[in-house]
C-alpha atoms as a PDB file:
ATOM      1  CA  MET A   1      -6.713  23.698  16.412  1.00  0.00           C
ATOM      2  CA  GLY A   2     -10.306  24.875  16.995  1.00  0.00           C
ATOM      3  CA  ARG A   3     -12.771  23.515  19.629  1.00  0.00           C
ATOM      4  CA  TRP A   4     -13.768  19.847  19.659  1.00  0.00           C
ATOM      5  CA  GLU A   5     -16.301  18.713  16.975  1.00  0.00           C
ATOM      6  CA  PRO A   6     -17.893  15.304  17.003  1.00  0.00           C
ATOM      7  CA  ASP A   7     -17.513  12.658  14.159  1.00  0.00           C
ATOM      8  CA  THR A   8     -13.809  12.960  13.622  1.00  0.00           C
ATOM      9  CA  PRO A   9     -13.771   9.822  11.227  1.00  0.00           C
ATOM     10  CA  GLY A  10     -16.415  11.409   9.215  1.00  0.00           C
ATOM     11  CA  ARG A  11     -14.802  14.905   8.958  1.00  0.00           C
ATOM     12  CA  LEU A  12     -11.541  13.170   7.888  1.00  0.00           C
ATOM     13  CA  ALA A  13     -13.321  11.079   5.182  1.00  0.00           C
ATOM     14  CA  LYS A  14     -15.047  14.154   3.825  1.00  0.00           C
ATOM     15  CA  ALA A  15     -11.717  16.249   3.895  1.00  0.00           C
ATOM     16  CA  ALA A  16     -10.046  13.381   2.206  1.00  0.00           C
ATOM     17  CA  LEU A  17     -12.645  12.968  -0.597  1.00  0.00           C
ATOM     18  CA  ASP A  18     -12.820  16.591  -1.152  1.00  0.00           C
ATOM     19  CA  LEU A  19      -8.990  16.829  -1.648  1.00  0.00           C
ATOM     20  CA  TYR A  20      -8.818  13.677  -3.720  1.00  0.00           C
ATOM     21  CA  ARG A  21     -11.432  15.429  -6.063  1.00  0.00           C
ATOM     22  CA  GLU A  22      -9.678  18.627  -6.083  1.00  0.00           C
ATOM     23  CA  ARG A  23      -6.055  17.664  -6.267  1.00  0.00           C
ATOM     24  CA  GLY A  24      -6.030  13.830  -7.079  1.00  0.00           C
ATOM     25  CA  TYR A  25      -5.388  10.998  -4.731  1.00  0.00           C
ATOM     26  CA  GLU A  26      -1.560  10.753  -5.326  1.00  0.00           C
ATOM     27  CA  GLN A  27      -1.056  14.431  -4.702  1.00  0.00           C
ATOM     28  CA  THR A  28      -2.914  14.544  -1.464  1.00  0.00           C
ATOM     29  CA  THR A  29      -1.015  14.187   1.774  1.00  0.00           C
ATOM     30  CA  VAL A  30      -2.280  13.035   5.154  1.00  0.00           C
ATOM     31  CA  ALA A  31      -1.109  16.359   6.693  1.00  0.00           C
ATOM     32  CA  GLU A  32      -3.502  18.109   4.133  1.00  0.00           C
ATOM     33  CA  ILE A  33      -6.302  15.760   4.960  1.00  0.00           C
ATOM     34  CA  ALA A  34      -5.950  16.336   8.785  1.00  0.00           C
ATOM     35  CA  GLY A  35      -5.427  20.273   8.074  1.00  0.00           C
ATOM     36  CA  ARG A  36      -8.685  20.453   6.086  1.00  0.00           C
ATOM     37  CA  ALA A  37     -10.551  18.636   8.882  1.00  0.00           C
ATOM     38  CA  GLY A  38      -9.117  20.836  11.516  1.00  0.00           C
ATOM     39  CA  LEU A  39      -7.251  18.021  13.109  1.00  0.00           C
ATOM     40  CA  THR A  40      -3.759  16.781  13.577  1.00  0.00           C
ATOM     41  CA  GLU A  41      -1.803  13.989  11.592  1.00  0.00           C
ATOM     42  CA  ARG A  42      -1.732  12.143  14.934  1.00  0.00           C
ATOM     43  CA  THR A  43      -5.514  12.313  15.221  1.00  0.00           C
ATOM     44  CA  PHE A  44      -5.735  11.012  11.565  1.00  0.00           C
ATOM     45  CA  PHE A  45      -3.571   8.137  12.361  1.00  0.00           C
ATOM     46  CA  ARG A  46      -5.793   7.146  15.392  1.00  0.00           C
ATOM     47  CA  HIS A  47      -8.574   6.495  12.859  1.00  0.00           C
ATOM     48  CA  TYR A  48      -6.886   5.410   9.679  1.00  0.00           C
ATOM     49  CA  ALA A  49      -3.714   3.458   8.933  1.00  0.00           C
ATOM     50  CA  ASP A  50      -3.117   5.495   5.811  1.00  0.00           C
ATOM     51  CA  LYS A  51      -4.736   7.860   3.410  1.00  0.00           C
ATOM     52  CA  ARG A  52      -6.047   4.983   1.223  1.00  0.00           C
ATOM     53  CA  GLU A  53      -8.093   3.535   4.080  1.00  0.00           C
ATOM     54  CA  VAL A  54     -10.075   6.568   4.604  1.00  0.00           C
ATOM     55  CA  LEU A  55     -12.053   5.343   1.452  1.00  0.00           C
ATOM     56  CA  PHE A  56     -12.414   1.706   2.777  1.00  0.00           C
ATOM     57  CA  ALA A  57     -13.191   2.301   6.504  1.00  0.00           C
ATOM     58  CA  GLY A  58     -16.846   0.940   6.069  1.00  0.00           C
ATOM     59  CA  SER A  59     -15.800  -2.450   4.596  1.00  0.00           C
ATOM     60  CA  ALA A  60     -15.923  -4.189   8.016  1.00  0.00           C
ATOM     61  CA  LEU A  61     -19.302  -2.779   8.733  1.00  0.00           C
ATOM     62  CA  LEU A  62     -20.576  -3.821   5.240  1.00  0.00           C
ATOM     63  CA  GLN A  63     -19.262  -7.312   5.664  1.00  0.00           C
ATOM     64  CA  GLU A  64     -20.637  -7.627   9.205  1.00  0.00           C
ATOM     65  CA  ALA A  65     -24.153  -6.667   8.126  1.00  0.00           C
ATOM     66  CA  PHE A  66     -24.030  -8.978   5.077  1.00  0.00           C
ATOM     67  CA  VAL A  67     -22.729 -11.981   6.913  1.00  0.00           C
ATOM     68  CA  ALA A  68     -25.000 -11.409   9.864  1.00  0.00           C
ATOM     69  CA  ALA A  69     -28.087 -11.443   7.636  1.00  0.00           C
ATOM     70  CA  VAL A  70     -27.022 -14.542   5.731  1.00  0.00           C
ATOM     71  CA  THR A  71     -26.327 -16.224   9.127  1.00  0.00           C
ATOM     72  CA  GLY A  72     -29.591 -15.026  10.441  1.00  0.00           C
ATOM     73  CA  ALA A  73     -31.784 -16.052   7.536  1.00  0.00           C
ATOM     74  CA  PRO A  74     -34.273 -18.629   8.384  1.00  0.00           C
ATOM     75  CA  ALA A  75     -33.073 -22.249   8.299  1.00  0.00           C
ATOM     76  CA  SER A  76     -35.824 -22.883   5.574  1.00  0.00           C
ATOM     77  CA  ALA A  77     -34.086 -20.327   3.158  1.00  0.00           C
ATOM     78  CA  GLY A  78     -32.020 -21.635   0.376  1.00  0.00           C
ATOM     79  CA  PRO A  79     -28.612 -20.357  -0.298  1.00  0.00           C
ATOM     80  CA  MET A  80     -29.752 -17.542  -2.613  1.00  0.00           C
ATOM     81  CA  ARG A  81     -32.476 -16.429  -0.462  1.00  0.00           C
ATOM     82  CA  ALA A  82     -30.024 -16.253   2.459  1.00  0.00           C
ATOM     83  CA  VAL A  83     -27.688 -14.261   0.224  1.00  0.00           C
ATOM     84  CA  ALA A  84     -30.637 -11.933  -0.740  1.00  0.00           C
ATOM     85  CA  ALA A  85     -31.163 -11.210   3.054  1.00  0.00           C
ATOM     86  CA  GLY A  86     -27.435 -10.204   3.075  1.00  0.00           C
ATOM     87  CA  LEU A  87     -27.784  -8.098   0.054  1.00  0.00           C
ATOM     88  CA  ASP A  88     -30.880  -6.121   1.644  1.00  0.00           C
ATOM     89  CA  ALA A  89     -28.898  -5.656   4.825  1.00  0.00           C
ATOM     90  CA  ALA A  90     -25.813  -4.386   3.067  1.00  0.00           C
ATOM     91  CA  ALA A  91     -27.841  -2.001   0.697  1.00  0.00           C
ATOM     92  CA  LYS A  92     -29.575  -0.444   3.716  1.00  0.00           C
ATOM     93  CA  LEU A  93     -26.249   0.709   5.062  1.00  0.00           C
ATOM     94  CA  PHE A  94     -25.951   3.146   2.194  1.00  0.00           C
ATOM     95  CA  THR A  95     -29.285   4.990   2.883  1.00  0.00           C
ATOM     96  CA  GLY A  96     -28.496   8.733   2.682  1.00  0.00           C
ATOM     97  CA  ARG A  97     -24.890   8.279   1.410  1.00  0.00           C
ATOM     98  CA  ARG A  98     -25.423   8.346  -2.351  1.00  0.00           C
ATOM     99  CA  GLU A  99     -23.461  11.598  -2.952  1.00  0.00           C
ATOM    100  CA  PHE A 100     -20.652  10.372  -0.796  1.00  0.00           C
ATOM    101  CA  ALA A 101     -20.644   7.017  -2.597  1.00  0.00           C
ATOM    102  CA  ARG A 102     -20.686   8.591  -6.019  1.00  0.00           C
ATOM    103  CA  GLU A 103     -17.684  10.744  -5.202  1.00  0.00           C
ATOM    104  CA  ARG A 104     -15.790   7.825  -3.553  1.00  0.00           C
ATOM    105  CA  HIS A 105     -16.484   5.660  -6.546  1.00  0.00           C
ATOM    106  CA  ALA A 106     -15.105   8.200  -8.946  1.00  0.00           C
ATOM    107  CA  VAL A 107     -11.975   8.697  -7.000  1.00  0.00           C
ATOM    108  CA  ILE A 108     -11.504   5.014  -6.788  1.00  0.00           C
ATOM    109  CA  THR A 109     -11.988   4.225 -10.401  1.00  0.00           C
ATOM    110  CA  ALA A 110      -9.527   6.964 -11.259  1.00  0.00           C
ATOM    111  CA  ASN A 111      -6.764   5.265  -9.487  1.00  0.00           C
ATOM    112  CA  SER A 112      -5.469   1.827 -10.338  1.00  0.00           C
ATOM    113  CA  ASP A 113      -4.066   1.176  -6.765  1.00  0.00           C
ATOM    114  CA  LEU A 114      -7.445   2.086  -5.207  1.00  0.00           C
ATOM    115  CA  LEU A 115      -9.269  -0.003  -7.703  1.00  0.00           C
ATOM    116  CA  GLU A 116      -7.085  -2.983  -6.706  1.00  0.00           C
ATOM    117  CA  ARG A 117      -8.042  -2.349  -3.088  1.00  0.00           C
ATOM    118  CA  GLU A 118     -11.658  -2.133  -3.923  1.00  0.00           C
ATOM    119  CA  LEU A 119     -11.405  -5.664  -5.678  1.00  0.00           C
ATOM    120  CA  ILE A 120      -9.696  -7.148  -2.628  1.00  0.00           C
ATOM    121  CA  LYS A 121     -12.542  -5.695  -0.479  1.00  0.00           C
ATOM    122  CA  LEU A 122     -14.942  -7.466  -2.695  1.00  0.00           C
ATOM    123  CA  ALA A 123     -12.989 -10.678  -2.639  1.00  0.00           C
ATOM    124  CA  THR A 124     -12.867 -10.656   1.147  1.00  0.00           C
ATOM    125  CA  LEU A 125     -16.511 -10.039   1.307  1.00  0.00           C
ATOM    126  CA  SER A 126     -17.040 -13.017  -0.881  1.00  0.00           C
ATOM    127  CA  ALA A 127     -14.881 -15.192   1.262  1.00  0.00           C
ATOM    128  CA  ALA A 128     -16.993 -14.126   4.316  1.00  0.00           C
ATOM    129  CA  VAL A 129     -20.190 -14.861   2.695  1.00  0.00           C
ATOM    130  CA  LEU A 130     -18.914 -18.164   1.506  1.00  0.00           C
ATOM    131  CA  ALA A 131     -17.905 -19.126   5.109  1.00  0.00           C
ATOM    132  CA  ALA A 132     -21.533 -18.136   6.360  1.00  0.00           C
ATOM    133  CA  LEU A 133     -23.045 -20.224   3.569  1.00  0.00           C
ATOM    134  CA  ARG A 134     -20.839 -23.338   4.613  1.00  0.00           C
ATOM    135  CA  ASP A 135     -21.736 -22.645   8.207  1.00  0.00           C
ATOM    136  CA  ARG A 136     -25.434 -23.047   7.017  1.00  0.00           C
ATOM    137  CA  GLY A 137     -24.489 -26.401   5.490  1.00  0.00           C
ATOM    138  CA  VAL A 138     -24.545 -25.301   1.966  1.00  0.00           C
ATOM    139  CA  PRO A 139     -22.339 -27.812  -0.024  1.00  0.00           C
ATOM    140  CA  GLU A 140     -19.854 -27.125  -2.723  1.00  0.00           C
ATOM    141  CA  PRO A 141     -19.835 -25.852  -5.451  1.00  0.00           C
ATOM    142  CA  ALA A 142     -23.280 -24.200  -4.523  1.00  0.00           C
ATOM    143  CA  ALA A 143     -21.688 -22.228  -1.556  1.00  0.00           C
ATOM    144  CA  THR A 144     -18.996 -20.879  -3.878  1.00  0.00           C
ATOM    145  CA  VAL A 145     -21.214 -20.007  -6.788  1.00  0.00           C
ATOM    146  CA  THR A 146     -23.820 -18.385  -4.573  1.00  0.00           C
ATOM    147  CA  ALA A 147     -21.338 -16.262  -2.562  1.00  0.00           C
ATOM    148  CA  GLU A 148     -19.636 -15.062  -5.873  1.00  0.00           C
ATOM    149  CA  ALA A 149     -22.986 -14.361  -7.402  1.00  0.00           C
ATOM    150  CA  GLY A 150     -24.078 -12.468  -4.413  1.00  0.00           C
ATOM    151  CA  VAL A 151     -21.135 -10.185  -4.435  1.00  0.00           C
ATOM    152  CA  ALA A 152     -21.459  -9.806  -8.144  1.00  0.00           C
ATOM    153  CA  VAL A 153     -25.010  -8.608  -7.595  1.00  0.00           C
ATOM    154  CA  PHE A 154     -24.012  -6.263  -4.951  1.00  0.00           C
ATOM    155  CA  LYS A 155     -21.245  -4.687  -7.233  1.00  0.00           C
ATOM    156  CA  ALA A 156     -23.516  -4.478 -10.214  1.00  0.00           C
ATOM    157  CA  GLY A 157     -26.359  -2.871  -8.208  1.00  0.00           C
ATOM    158  CA  PHE A 158     -23.904  -0.482  -6.622  1.00  0.00           C
ATOM    159  CA  GLU A 159     -22.463   0.665  -9.890  1.00  0.00           C
ATOM    160  CA  ARG A 160     -25.895   1.295 -11.195  1.00  0.00           C
ATOM    161  CA  TRP A 161     -26.794   3.296  -7.987  1.00  0.00           C
ATOM    162  CA  VAL A 162     -23.760   5.608  -8.307  1.00  0.00           C
ATOM    163  CA  ALA A 163     -24.350   6.379 -11.873  1.00  0.00           C
ATOM    164  CA  ALA A 164     -25.171  10.117 -12.362  1.00  0.00           C
ATOM    165  CA  GLU A 165     -28.541   9.483 -14.103  1.00  0.00           C
ATOM    166  CA  GLU A 166     -29.747   7.043 -11.571  1.00  0.00           C
ATOM    167  CA  SER A 167     -32.368   7.971  -8.974  1.00  0.00           C
ATOM    168  CA  ARG A 168     -33.658   4.575  -7.568  1.00  0.00           C
ATOM    169  CA  ASP A 169     -32.500   3.653  -4.242  1.00  0.00           C
ATOM    170  CA  LEU A 170     -29.859   0.983  -3.672  1.00  0.00           C
ATOM    171  CA  PRO A 171     -32.204  -1.752  -2.106  1.00  0.00           C
ATOM    172  CA  GLU A 172     -34.447  -1.411  -5.285  1.00  0.00           C
ATOM    173  CA  LEU A 173     -31.440  -1.756  -7.543  1.00  0.00           C
ATOM    174  CA  ILE A 174     -30.039  -4.643  -5.795  1.00  0.00           C
ATOM    175  CA  ARG A 175     -33.374  -6.648  -5.825  1.00  0.00           C
ATOM    176  CA  ASP A 176     -33.764  -5.646  -9.547  1.00  0.00           C
ATOM    177  CA  THR A 177     -30.057  -6.941 -10.285  1.00  0.00           C
ATOM    178  CA  LEU A 178     -30.923 -10.131  -8.325  1.00  0.00           C
ATOM    179  CA  ASP A 179     -34.078 -10.593 -10.354  1.00  0.00           C
ATOM    180  CA  THR A 180     -31.899 -10.214 -13.527  1.00  0.00           C
ATOM    181  CA  LEU A 181     -29.558 -12.769 -12.420  1.00  0.00           C
ATOM    182  CA  GLY A 182     -32.471 -15.140 -11.640  1.00  0.00           C
ATOM    183  CA  ALA A 183     -33.899 -14.575 -15.124  1.00  0.00           C
ATOM    184  CA  VAL A 184     -30.575 -15.251 -16.887  1.00  0.00           C
ATOM    185  CA  VAL A 185     -30.216 -18.451 -14.923  1.00  0.00           C
ATOM    186  CA  ALA A 186     -33.667 -19.570 -15.512  1.00  0.00           C
ATOM    187  CA  ASP A 187     -33.335 -18.864 -19.297  1.00  0.00           C
ATOM    188  CA  GLY A 188     -30.350 -21.225 -19.450  1.00  0.00           C
ATOM    189  CA  SER A 189     -28.702 -19.273 -22.399  1.00  0.00           C
END
């Protein structure tokens, strides 16, 4: 092993993503990821439970930022405005990470097990946003509908953002997607 270098989790994530793109997710081993990053398998397992979790390590941070913004929205903000604050906070986490996000998205959509894990991540995010809305006193079914709509807006905006031809930033696309939802609901059709 070479001399110590900072950002071990980031190095492992980059090595994993590079190998997943080159060889495929299924064909890549933890040993290969660690070796590519110049680290040991033991070091890998200090940071990630398995090779799948390299792609989902940011889920907790995303959820924390989203929920904190919903919780911290002004008391006068309605449910959708509170969720919009959460969407803004979540989108800001991706600043400067578009290429990594594009590559990660391509790997995930090419593998059904990873796609299933991504959907679980989104369902967990929705449940956390729902809990935050309920804590704000939002009644049912408004709390559930708003939480699910907010996560759908995030997912749709994110998928637009990682598209090869897209150049706008994620916060702008999230706001645009939220406006689209508002227009569809206002239209009533």
